[in-house]
Each structure stands twice: as structure tokens, then as C-alpha cells.
Amino acid sequence: MQTSVTFKNLDPSDNLKSYVSDKLDKLDKFLDNPAEATVVLSIEKFRHIAEVNITGDRLNIFGKEETSDMYAAIDMVLDKLEKQIKKSKQKIRERRTTSKGKTAALSHENLREESEIGQIKVQNIEYKPMDIEEAVMQMDLVTDNFLVFTNSRTDKINVLYRRKDGNYGLIQPVS
């Protein structure tokens, strides 16, 4: 984890910097991706304030603590951040499991409804004779994921589709 430590109304100390870095490295095991931590240590009269902001992939966590001892403030704010990280990761896990379960249940219910009712959605399309190069040019002009056409060389119906990697695929009958 990349860490930047800023001191306000306090002399910069290598001991405090290394203490904060060591503690933040322990939090790094809870994070999936690399993150950046911005730490501000300040003193206002008798209050020692530690502010930590951790920013990473889909994660932005902030914590602030103030006590009469700087090391205690750092420990308390990092405990707070650890709880926040665990809580956010748990929320993500719950969302993934519930969304997967809901979509599986919905699709299973939809399959049952379609098989019981026997409804099939019919979509009529126009297709015209063209060669494969012309079909590729036609696909570049439209936002559809597939194009049905009659291959002018073979006089058979072909389907040109857009693949996930951005290339095209061609379905053509054999024989």
C-alpha cells in the first residue's frame, strides 16, 4: 500500500511514519487490489488527531480519531478502518450471492412459465443477398449484435454476429 504521511503542527518523526506504515500494511491483507493511504497527523492544543483516507479500486474509506496520545489515536483510527473494510467486503459478498440467487430463480421461473404456456416470441427480419465483406460493413453501421443475410456466393442463409472480444463470428450451414 502506498502511504503518504503529513504532519500538521507537529515535527516530522520517522518513528511515527514507520509506525503508521507498519499498521497500514496489516490492513493491506483485507484489500483485493492495491490502494493508496493518505494520513494526516496533527496536534491542536492537547488533542492528537489522526486522519486516514484509503482510496482504492471501488473503495473510499475515511477515518478520524482524536485522543491525548498520538499512537493511541493511530491505533483507534486503524481499528475503525479495519471494521469499515470488512463491512464493505461483506456487503459486496452479500450482493453477489443474492443477485446470483435472484437471477437463477427468476430465469428458472421464466422457463417454467414459458414451457407451461408454450409462448414463443417471434421476430421477423428481412435478409438480402450479400457477400461476407458487405455484411461486415453493414454490421459496422448498426448496433445490433447479429445480422442475418443470404450469402450471394452460396445462396444459403448465414448469420454474422459480434463477439465479446470485438471481432465477428459467422454461422453458415454445412452441405
N, C-alpha and C. Protein backbone atom coordinates (compact mmCIF):
# COMPACT_ATOMS: atom_id res chain seq x y z
N MET A 1 0.86 -1.17 0.00
CA MET A 1 0.00 0.00 0.00
C MET A 1 0.90 1.23 0.00
N GLN A 2 0.58 2.17 -0.88
CA GLN A 2 1.32 3.42 -0.92
C GLN A 2 0.78 4.33 0.18
N THR A 3 1.69 4.86 0.97
CA THR A 3 1.29 5.66 2.12
C THR A 3 1.97 7.02 2.07
N SER A 4 1.20 8.07 2.27
CA SER A 4 1.80 9.40 2.41
C SER A 4 1.35 9.95 3.76
N VAL A 5 2.32 10.39 4.54
CA VAL A 5 2.04 10.88 5.88
C VAL A 5 2.34 12.38 5.92
N THR A 6 1.36 13.15 6.41
CA THR A 6 1.51 14.60 6.52
C THR A 6 1.41 14.98 7.99
N PHE A 7 2.26 15.89 8.41
CA PHE A 7 2.26 16.36 9.80
C PHE A 7 1.80 17.82 9.85
N LYS A 8 0.87 18.11 10.76
CA LYS A 8 0.40 19.48 10.97
C LYS A 8 0.64 19.85 12.43
N ASN A 9 1.32 20.97 12.63
CA ASN A 9 1.63 21.45 13.99
C ASN A 9 2.39 20.39 14.79
N LEU A 10 3.21 19.64 14.09
CA LEU A 10 3.93 18.54 14.71
C LEU A 10 5.23 18.34 13.95
N ASP A 11 6.31 18.09 14.66
CA ASP A 11 7.58 17.85 13.98
C ASP A 11 7.55 16.48 13.30
N PRO A 12 7.99 16.39 12.04
CA PRO A 12 8.00 15.10 11.35
C PRO A 12 8.88 14.10 12.10
N SER A 13 8.36 12.91 12.27
CA SER A 13 9.07 11.87 13.01
C SER A 13 9.11 10.59 12.18
N ASP A 14 10.30 10.04 12.03
CA ASP A 14 10.42 8.78 11.31
C ASP A 14 9.75 7.64 12.07
N ASN A 15 9.77 7.72 13.41
CA ASN A 15 9.13 6.68 14.21
C ASN A 15 7.62 6.63 13.93
N LEU A 16 6.98 7.80 13.89
CA LEU A 16 5.54 7.84 13.60
C LEU A 16 5.26 7.35 12.18
N LYS A 17 6.09 7.76 11.22
CA LYS A 17 5.89 7.32 9.83
C LYS A 17 5.99 5.80 9.72
N SER A 18 7.00 5.22 10.32
CA SER A 18 7.18 3.77 10.23
C SER A 18 6.06 3.04 10.99
N TYR A 19 5.61 3.61 12.13
CA TYR A 19 4.51 3.02 12.89
C TYR A 19 3.24 2.97 12.04
N VAL A 20 2.92 4.08 11.39
CA VAL A 20 1.73 4.16 10.55
C VAL A 20 1.85 3.19 9.36
N SER A 21 3.02 3.17 8.74
CA SER A 21 3.22 2.29 7.58
C SER A 21 3.07 0.83 7.96
N ASP A 22 3.63 0.43 9.10
CA ASP A 22 3.51 -0.96 9.55
C ASP A 22 2.06 -1.32 9.81
N LYS A 23 1.34 -0.43 10.46
CA LYS A 23 -0.07 -0.70 10.77
C LYS A 23 -0.91 -0.78 9.49
N LEU A 24 -0.64 0.10 8.52
CA LEU A 24 -1.40 0.09 7.27
C LEU A 24 -1.08 -1.15 6.44
N ASP A 25 0.15 -1.65 6.54
CA ASP A 25 0.49 -2.87 5.81
C ASP A 25 -0.32 -4.06 6.32
N LYS A 26 -0.67 -4.04 7.59
CA LYS A 26 -1.52 -5.11 8.13
C LYS A 26 -2.93 -5.04 7.55
N LEU A 27 -3.41 -3.83 7.24
CA LEU A 27 -4.73 -3.67 6.63
C LEU A 27 -4.71 -4.11 5.17
N ASP A 28 -3.55 -4.12 4.56
CA ASP A 28 -3.41 -4.44 3.14
C ASP A 28 -3.91 -5.85 2.83
N LYS A 29 -3.86 -6.76 3.81
CA LYS A 29 -4.30 -8.14 3.57
C LYS A 29 -5.82 -8.22 3.36
N PHE A 30 -6.56 -7.22 3.82
CA PHE A 30 -8.01 -7.22 3.65
C PHE A 30 -8.43 -6.68 2.28
N LEU A 31 -7.51 -6.01 1.59
CA LEU A 31 -7.83 -5.38 0.31
C LEU A 31 -7.45 -6.29 -0.84
N ASP A 32 -8.30 -6.34 -1.88
CA ASP A 32 -8.03 -7.17 -3.05
C ASP A 32 -7.00 -6.53 -3.96
N ASN A 33 -7.13 -5.24 -4.18
CA ASN A 33 -6.28 -4.53 -5.13
C ASN A 33 -5.42 -3.50 -4.40
N PRO A 34 -4.37 -3.02 -5.05
CA PRO A 34 -3.53 -2.00 -4.41
C PRO A 34 -4.34 -0.75 -4.07
N ALA A 35 -3.97 -0.14 -2.96
CA ALA A 35 -4.68 1.06 -2.52
C ALA A 35 -3.66 2.11 -2.09
N GLU A 36 -4.15 3.34 -1.98
CA GLU A 36 -3.33 4.45 -1.52
C GLU A 36 -3.90 4.96 -0.21
N ALA A 37 -3.01 5.27 0.72
CA ALA A 37 -3.45 5.79 2.01
C ALA A 37 -2.84 7.16 2.23
N THR A 38 -3.70 8.11 2.61
CA THR A 38 -3.24 9.45 2.95
C THR A 38 -3.49 9.63 4.44
N VAL A 39 -2.42 9.89 5.17
CA VAL A 39 -2.51 10.01 6.63
C VAL A 39 -2.13 11.44 7.02
N VAL A 40 -2.97 12.06 7.84
CA VAL A 40 -2.69 13.40 8.35
C VAL A 40 -2.65 13.30 9.87
N LEU A 41 -1.48 13.61 10.45
CA LEU A 41 -1.32 13.60 11.89
C LEU A 41 -1.16 15.05 12.35
N SER A 42 -1.99 15.47 13.30
CA SER A 42 -1.93 16.87 13.73
C SER A 42 -2.15 16.98 15.23
N ILE A 43 -1.71 18.10 15.75
CA ILE A 43 -1.90 18.41 17.16
C ILE A 43 -2.57 19.77 17.26
N GLU A 44 -3.68 19.83 18.00
CA GLU A 44 -4.38 21.08 18.28
C GLU A 44 -4.52 21.18 19.79
N LYS A 45 -3.77 22.07 20.37
CA LYS A 45 -3.69 22.23 21.83
C LYS A 45 -3.28 20.89 22.46
N PHE A 46 -4.18 20.24 23.16
CA PHE A 46 -3.84 18.97 23.81
C PHE A 46 -4.42 17.76 23.06
N ARG A 47 -5.09 18.00 21.94
CA ARG A 47 -5.70 16.90 21.18
C ARG A 47 -4.74 16.42 20.10
N HIS A 48 -4.54 15.12 20.03
CA HIS A 48 -3.74 14.49 18.98
C HIS A 48 -4.72 13.85 18.01
N ILE A 49 -4.69 14.28 16.76
CA ILE A 49 -5.68 13.87 15.77
C ILE A 49 -5.00 13.05 14.67
N ALA A 50 -5.59 11.92 14.36
CA ALA A 50 -5.10 11.08 13.26
C ALA A 50 -6.24 10.90 12.26
N GLU A 51 -6.00 11.30 11.02
CA GLU A 51 -6.98 11.15 9.95
C GLU A 51 -6.37 10.26 8.87
N VAL A 52 -7.12 9.25 8.43
CA VAL A 52 -6.63 8.33 7.41
C VAL A 52 -7.70 8.21 6.33
N ASN A 53 -7.26 8.34 5.08
CA ASN A 53 -8.15 8.18 3.93
C ASN A 53 -7.54 7.11 3.03
N ILE A 54 -8.25 6.00 2.85
CA ILE A 54 -7.77 4.91 1.99
C ILE A 54 -8.61 4.92 0.72
N THR A 55 -7.93 5.00 -0.41
CA THR A 55 -8.60 5.03 -1.70
C THR A 55 -8.05 3.90 -2.55
N GLY A 56 -8.96 3.13 -3.14
CA GLY A 56 -8.54 2.03 -3.99
C GLY A 56 -9.61 1.74 -5.01
N ASP A 57 -9.52 0.54 -5.57
CA ASP A 57 -10.48 0.12 -6.58
C ASP A 57 -11.85 -0.07 -5.94
N ARG A 58 -12.83 0.77 -6.29
CA ARG A 58 -14.19 0.73 -5.76
C ARG A 58 -14.23 0.87 -4.25
N LEU A 59 -13.25 1.56 -3.67
CA LEU A 59 -13.20 1.67 -2.23
C LEU A 59 -12.71 3.06 -1.85
N ASN A 60 -13.43 3.71 -0.96
CA ASN A 60 -13.01 5.01 -0.44
C ASN A 60 -13.44 5.05 1.02
N ILE A 61 -12.46 4.92 1.92
CA ILE A 61 -12.76 4.82 3.34
C ILE A 61 -12.01 5.92 4.09
N PHE A 62 -12.72 6.58 5.00
CA PHE A 62 -12.13 7.67 5.77
C PHE A 62 -12.36 7.42 7.25
N GLY A 63 -11.33 7.71 8.05
CA GLY A 63 -11.46 7.58 9.49
C GLY A 63 -10.73 8.70 10.19
N LYS A 64 -11.26 9.13 11.34
CA LYS A 64 -10.65 10.22 12.11
C LYS A 64 -10.83 9.93 13.59
N GLU A 65 -9.75 10.07 14.33
CA GLU A 65 -9.80 9.87 15.78
C GLU A 65 -8.97 10.93 16.46
N GLU A 66 -9.36 11.29 17.66
CA GLU A 66 -8.57 12.24 18.45
C GLU A 66 -8.54 11.76 19.90
N THR A 67 -7.32 11.76 20.44
CA THR A 67 -7.09 11.37 21.83
C THR A 67 -5.99 12.26 22.39
N SER A 68 -5.53 11.91 23.58
CA SER A 68 -4.43 12.68 24.18
C SER A 68 -3.07 12.10 23.81
N ASP A 69 -3.04 10.94 23.12
CA ASP A 69 -1.79 10.30 22.71
C ASP A 69 -1.86 9.99 21.21
N MET A 70 -0.82 10.33 20.46
CA MET A 70 -0.82 10.15 19.01
C MET A 70 -0.87 8.67 18.62
N TYR A 71 -0.09 7.83 19.30
CA TYR A 71 -0.06 6.41 18.97
C TYR A 71 -1.43 5.76 19.23
N ALA A 72 -2.09 6.17 20.29
CA ALA A 72 -3.43 5.65 20.59
C ALA A 72 -4.43 6.10 19.51
N ALA A 73 -4.30 7.34 19.06
CA ALA A 73 -5.19 7.84 18.00
C ALA A 73 -4.99 7.04 16.72
N ILE A 74 -3.73 6.74 16.39
CA ILE A 74 -3.44 5.96 15.18
C ILE A 74 -4.05 4.56 15.30
N ASP A 75 -3.85 3.92 16.46
CA ASP A 75 -4.41 2.58 16.66
C ASP A 75 -5.93 2.58 16.55
N MET A 76 -6.56 3.57 17.16
CA MET A 76 -8.03 3.63 17.15
C MET A 76 -8.57 3.86 15.74
N VAL A 77 -7.95 4.76 14.98
CA VAL A 77 -8.46 5.04 13.64
C VAL A 77 -8.24 3.84 12.72
N LEU A 78 -7.14 3.12 12.90
CA LEU A 78 -6.90 1.95 12.06
C LEU A 78 -7.84 0.80 12.41
N ASP A 79 -8.22 0.69 13.68
CA ASP A 79 -9.23 -0.30 14.06
C ASP A 79 -10.57 0.03 13.39
N LYS A 80 -10.90 1.32 13.39
CA LYS A 80 -12.13 1.78 12.73
C LYS A 80 -12.11 1.42 11.24
N LEU A 81 -10.97 1.69 10.59
CA LEU A 81 -10.86 1.43 9.16
C LEU A 81 -10.95 -0.07 8.86
N GLU A 82 -10.36 -0.88 9.73
CA GLU A 82 -10.43 -2.33 9.54
C GLU A 82 -11.89 -2.80 9.56
N LYS A 83 -12.66 -2.29 10.50
CA LYS A 83 -14.09 -2.63 10.58
C LYS A 83 -14.83 -2.19 9.32
N GLN A 84 -14.52 -0.97 8.84
CA GLN A 84 -15.18 -0.46 7.64
C GLN A 84 -14.85 -1.31 6.42
N ILE A 85 -13.59 -1.71 6.29
CA ILE A 85 -13.18 -2.54 5.14
C ILE A 85 -13.90 -3.88 5.19
N LYS A 86 -13.91 -4.51 6.36
CA LYS A 86 -14.59 -5.81 6.50
C LYS A 86 -16.09 -5.67 6.18
N LYS A 87 -16.69 -4.60 6.66
CA LYS A 87 -18.12 -4.38 6.42
C LYS A 87 -18.41 -4.20 4.93
N SER A 88 -17.58 -3.41 4.24
CA SER A 88 -17.82 -3.19 2.81
C SER A 88 -17.59 -4.47 2.01
N LYS A 89 -16.59 -5.26 2.37
CA LYS A 89 -16.35 -6.52 1.67
C LYS A 89 -17.50 -7.49 1.91
N GLN A 90 -18.06 -7.49 3.13
CA GLN A 90 -19.20 -8.36 3.43
C GLN A 90 -20.42 -7.94 2.60
N LYS A 91 -20.63 -6.63 2.45
CA LYS A 91 -21.74 -6.15 1.63
C LYS A 91 -21.59 -6.60 0.19
N ILE A 92 -20.37 -6.53 -0.33
CA ILE A 92 -20.12 -6.95 -1.71
C ILE A 92 -20.42 -8.44 -1.85
N ARG A 93 -19.96 -9.24 -0.88
CA ARG A 93 -20.23 -10.69 -0.93
C ARG A 93 -21.73 -10.96 -0.91
N GLU A 94 -22.46 -10.25 -0.03
CA GLU A 94 -23.90 -10.47 0.07
C GLU A 94 -24.60 -10.08 -1.22
N ARG A 95 -24.18 -8.98 -1.83
CA ARG A 95 -24.80 -8.55 -3.09
C ARG A 95 -24.58 -9.59 -4.17
N ARG A 96 -23.38 -10.14 -4.23
CA ARG A 96 -23.08 -11.14 -5.26
C ARG A 96 -23.94 -12.38 -5.09
N THR A 97 -24.04 -12.88 -3.86
CA THR A 97 -24.80 -14.11 -3.64
C THR A 97 -26.29 -13.88 -3.85
N THR A 98 -26.83 -12.74 -3.37
CA THR A 98 -28.27 -12.52 -3.55
C THR A 98 -28.60 -12.25 -5.01
N SER A 99 -27.74 -11.54 -5.72
CA SER A 99 -28.05 -11.25 -7.12
C SER A 99 -27.97 -12.53 -7.95
N LYS A 100 -27.01 -13.39 -7.67
CA LYS A 100 -26.91 -14.66 -8.40
C LYS A 100 -28.12 -15.53 -8.11
N GLY A 101 -28.51 -15.59 -6.84
CA GLY A 101 -29.66 -16.40 -6.47
C GLY A 101 -30.94 -15.89 -7.10
N LYS A 102 -31.12 -14.57 -7.12
CA LYS A 102 -32.33 -13.99 -7.70
C LYS A 102 -32.41 -14.24 -9.19
N THR A 103 -31.30 -14.03 -9.91
CA THR A 103 -31.34 -14.23 -11.36
C THR A 103 -31.56 -15.70 -11.69
N ALA A 104 -30.97 -16.59 -10.92
CA ALA A 104 -31.17 -18.02 -11.18
C ALA A 104 -32.63 -18.38 -10.92
N ALA A 105 -33.19 -17.86 -9.82
CA ALA A 105 -34.58 -18.15 -9.51
C ALA A 105 -35.51 -17.55 -10.55
N LEU A 106 -35.25 -16.33 -10.98
CA LEU A 106 -36.10 -15.68 -11.98
C LEU A 106 -36.04 -16.42 -13.30
N SER A 107 -34.84 -16.78 -13.73
CA SER A 107 -34.75 -17.47 -15.02
C SER A 107 -35.41 -18.83 -14.93
N HIS A 108 -35.32 -19.50 -13.78
CA HIS A 108 -35.96 -20.80 -13.63
C HIS A 108 -37.49 -20.65 -13.67
N GLU A 109 -38.01 -19.60 -13.00
CA GLU A 109 -39.45 -19.34 -13.05
C GLU A 109 -39.88 -18.99 -14.48
N ASN A 110 -39.10 -18.18 -15.17
CA ASN A 110 -39.44 -17.82 -16.54
C ASN A 110 -39.46 -19.04 -17.44
N LEU A 111 -38.53 -19.95 -17.26
CA LEU A 111 -38.52 -21.16 -18.08
C LEU A 111 -39.77 -21.98 -17.83
N ARG A 112 -40.17 -22.08 -16.57
CA ARG A 112 -41.38 -22.84 -16.25
C ARG A 112 -42.61 -22.19 -16.88
N GLU A 113 -42.70 -20.86 -16.78
CA GLU A 113 -43.85 -20.16 -17.35
C GLU A 113 -43.89 -20.34 -18.86
N GLU A 114 -42.78 -20.24 -19.53
CA GLU A 114 -42.76 -20.38 -20.98
C GLU A 114 -43.12 -21.79 -21.41
N SER A 115 -42.64 -22.78 -20.66
CA SER A 115 -42.95 -24.15 -21.06
C SER A 115 -44.40 -24.50 -20.76
N GLU A 116 -44.95 -23.94 -19.68
CA GLU A 116 -46.35 -24.22 -19.37
C GLU A 116 -47.28 -23.52 -20.36
N ILE A 117 -47.00 -22.29 -20.66
CA ILE A 117 -47.86 -21.53 -21.55
C ILE A 117 -47.57 -21.89 -22.99
N GLY A 118 -46.35 -22.15 -23.30
CA GLY A 118 -45.97 -22.51 -24.66
C GLY A 118 -45.82 -21.30 -25.57
N GLN A 119 -45.48 -20.14 -25.02
CA GLN A 119 -45.32 -18.95 -25.83
C GLN A 119 -43.90 -18.87 -26.36
N ILE A 120 -43.80 -18.52 -27.61
CA ILE A 120 -42.51 -18.29 -28.24
C ILE A 120 -42.57 -16.92 -28.88
N LYS A 121 -41.57 -16.11 -28.62
CA LYS A 121 -41.51 -14.78 -29.20
C LYS A 121 -40.97 -14.91 -30.62
N VAL A 122 -41.72 -14.42 -31.58
CA VAL A 122 -41.33 -14.49 -32.98
C VAL A 122 -40.96 -13.10 -33.46
N GLN A 123 -39.81 -13.00 -34.07
CA GLN A 123 -39.37 -11.73 -34.61
C GLN A 123 -39.05 -11.94 -36.09
N ASN A 124 -39.73 -11.19 -36.95
CA ASN A 124 -39.49 -11.30 -38.38
C ASN A 124 -38.40 -10.33 -38.78
N ILE A 125 -37.46 -10.81 -39.59
CA ILE A 125 -36.38 -9.95 -40.06
C ILE A 125 -36.29 -10.08 -41.57
N GLU A 126 -35.78 -9.03 -42.17
CA GLU A 126 -35.54 -9.06 -43.61
C GLU A 126 -34.08 -9.41 -43.84
N TYR A 127 -33.83 -10.26 -44.79
CA TYR A 127 -32.45 -10.54 -45.14
C TYR A 127 -32.33 -10.46 -46.65
N LYS A 128 -31.17 -10.02 -47.10
CA LYS A 128 -30.98 -9.83 -48.53
C LYS A 128 -29.67 -10.46 -48.95
N PRO A 129 -29.51 -10.77 -50.22
CA PRO A 129 -28.27 -11.38 -50.68
C PRO A 129 -27.12 -10.38 -50.63
N MET A 130 -26.00 -10.82 -50.04
CA MET A 130 -24.78 -10.01 -50.00
C MET A 130 -23.62 -10.94 -49.69
N ASP A 131 -22.41 -10.47 -49.97
CA ASP A 131 -21.25 -11.28 -49.63
C ASP A 131 -20.80 -10.94 -48.20
N ILE A 132 -19.84 -11.70 -47.67
CA ILE A 132 -19.45 -11.57 -46.27
C ILE A 132 -18.84 -10.20 -45.98
N GLU A 133 -18.05 -9.67 -46.90
CA GLU A 133 -17.43 -8.37 -46.68
C GLU A 133 -18.48 -7.27 -46.56
N GLU A 134 -19.51 -7.34 -47.39
CA GLU A 134 -20.59 -6.36 -47.33
C GLU A 134 -21.36 -6.50 -46.01
N ALA A 135 -21.52 -7.73 -45.54
CA ALA A 135 -22.21 -7.97 -44.27
C ALA A 135 -21.43 -7.37 -43.11
N VAL A 136 -20.08 -7.48 -43.15
CA VAL A 136 -19.25 -6.90 -42.10
C VAL A 136 -19.40 -5.37 -42.12
N MET A 137 -19.41 -4.78 -43.31
CA MET A 137 -19.59 -3.33 -43.40
C MET A 137 -20.96 -2.93 -42.85
N GLN A 138 -21.97 -3.73 -43.12
CA GLN A 138 -23.32 -3.47 -42.64
C GLN A 138 -23.36 -3.55 -41.09
N MET A 139 -22.63 -4.51 -40.51
CA MET A 139 -22.58 -4.66 -39.05
C MET A 139 -21.92 -3.45 -38.40
N ASP A 140 -20.93 -2.86 -39.09
CA ASP A 140 -20.26 -1.69 -38.54
C ASP A 140 -21.21 -0.49 -38.47
N LEU A 141 -22.23 -0.47 -39.33
CA LEU A 141 -23.16 0.66 -39.38
C LEU A 141 -24.28 0.56 -38.34
N VAL A 142 -24.60 -0.65 -37.90
CA VAL A 142 -25.72 -0.84 -36.98
C VAL A 142 -25.21 -1.25 -35.60
N THR A 143 -26.08 -1.14 -34.61
CA THR A 143 -25.70 -1.51 -33.24
C THR A 143 -26.18 -2.90 -32.87
N ASP A 144 -26.82 -3.61 -33.78
CA ASP A 144 -27.30 -4.95 -33.48
C ASP A 144 -26.12 -5.89 -33.27
N ASN A 145 -26.39 -6.98 -32.54
CA ASN A 145 -25.34 -7.95 -32.27
C ASN A 145 -25.24 -9.02 -33.35
N PHE A 146 -26.23 -9.10 -34.23
CA PHE A 146 -26.16 -10.09 -35.29
C PHE A 146 -26.84 -9.57 -36.55
N LEU A 147 -26.52 -10.21 -37.67
CA LEU A 147 -27.09 -9.84 -38.96
C LEU A 147 -27.34 -11.13 -39.73
N VAL A 148 -28.58 -11.29 -40.18
CA VAL A 148 -28.95 -12.46 -40.98
C VAL A 148 -28.96 -12.03 -42.44
N PHE A 149 -28.30 -12.80 -43.30
CA PHE A 149 -28.24 -12.45 -44.72
C PHE A 149 -28.09 -13.71 -45.55
N THR A 150 -28.41 -13.58 -46.83
CA THR A 150 -28.19 -14.68 -47.77
C THR A 150 -26.83 -14.46 -48.41
N ASN A 151 -25.98 -15.46 -48.30
CA ASN A 151 -24.65 -15.37 -48.89
C ASN A 151 -24.82 -15.41 -50.40
N SER A 152 -24.36 -14.36 -51.10
CA SER A 152 -24.56 -14.28 -52.55
C SER A 152 -23.73 -15.32 -53.29
N ARG A 153 -22.70 -15.86 -52.71
CA ARG A 153 -21.88 -16.88 -53.37
C ARG A 153 -22.49 -18.27 -53.26
N THR A 154 -23.10 -18.57 -52.09
CA THR A 154 -23.63 -19.92 -51.87
C THR A 154 -25.16 -19.97 -51.91
N ASP A 155 -25.82 -18.83 -51.91
CA ASP A 155 -27.29 -18.74 -51.86
C ASP A 155 -27.88 -19.44 -50.64
N LYS A 156 -27.13 -19.42 -49.53
CA LYS A 156 -27.62 -20.00 -48.27
C LYS A 156 -27.67 -18.90 -47.21
N ILE A 157 -28.53 -19.11 -46.22
CA ILE A 157 -28.68 -18.12 -45.16
C ILE A 157 -27.50 -18.24 -44.19
N ASN A 158 -26.89 -17.10 -43.88
CA ASN A 158 -25.78 -17.02 -42.93
C ASN A 158 -26.13 -16.02 -41.83
N VAL A 159 -25.45 -16.17 -40.70
CA VAL A 159 -25.63 -15.24 -39.60
C VAL A 159 -24.25 -14.72 -39.21
N LEU A 160 -24.09 -13.41 -39.24
CA LEU A 160 -22.86 -12.75 -38.81
C LEU A 160 -23.16 -12.13 -37.45
N TYR A 161 -22.30 -12.42 -36.45
CA TYR A 161 -22.55 -11.90 -35.12
C TYR A 161 -21.30 -11.25 -34.55
N ARG A 162 -21.54 -10.31 -33.62
CA ARG A 162 -20.45 -9.58 -32.96
C ARG A 162 -20.07 -10.34 -31.70
N ARG A 163 -18.77 -10.70 -31.59
CA ARG A 163 -18.28 -11.44 -30.44
C ARG A 163 -17.91 -10.48 -29.31
N LYS A 164 -17.73 -11.02 -28.11
CA LYS A 164 -17.41 -10.20 -26.94
C LYS A 164 -16.05 -9.53 -27.08
N ASP A 165 -15.12 -10.16 -27.82
CA ASP A 165 -13.78 -9.57 -27.97
C ASP A 165 -13.73 -8.50 -29.06
N GLY A 166 -14.88 -8.19 -29.70
CA GLY A 166 -14.94 -7.14 -30.70
C GLY A 166 -14.83 -7.65 -32.13
N ASN A 167 -14.43 -8.90 -32.30
CA ASN A 167 -14.35 -9.49 -33.63
C ASN A 167 -15.71 -10.01 -34.05
N TYR A 168 -15.77 -10.58 -35.25
CA TYR A 168 -17.03 -11.10 -35.76
C TYR A 168 -16.96 -12.61 -35.87
N GLY A 169 -18.13 -13.23 -35.78
CA GLY A 169 -18.25 -14.67 -35.99
C GLY A 169 -19.27 -14.90 -37.11
N LEU A 170 -19.11 -15.99 -37.83
CA LEU A 170 -20.02 -16.29 -38.95
C LEU A 170 -20.58 -17.68 -38.76
N ILE A 171 -21.90 -17.80 -38.83
CA ILE A 171 -22.57 -19.09 -38.78
C ILE A 171 -23.11 -19.36 -40.18
N GLN A 172 -22.68 -20.50 -40.73
CA GLN A 172 -23.14 -20.85 -42.07
C GLN A 172 -23.46 -22.34 -42.10
N PRO A 173 -24.47 -22.73 -42.88
CA PRO A 173 -24.85 -24.14 -42.94
C PRO A 173 -23.82 -24.97 -43.72
N VAL A 174 -23.70 -26.22 -43.32
CA VAL A 174 -22.79 -27.15 -43.99
C VAL A 174 -23.63 -27.94 -45.00
N SER A 175 -23.04 -28.30 -46.11
CA SER A 175 -23.62 -29.11 -47.20
C SER A 175 -24.22 -28.29 -48.30
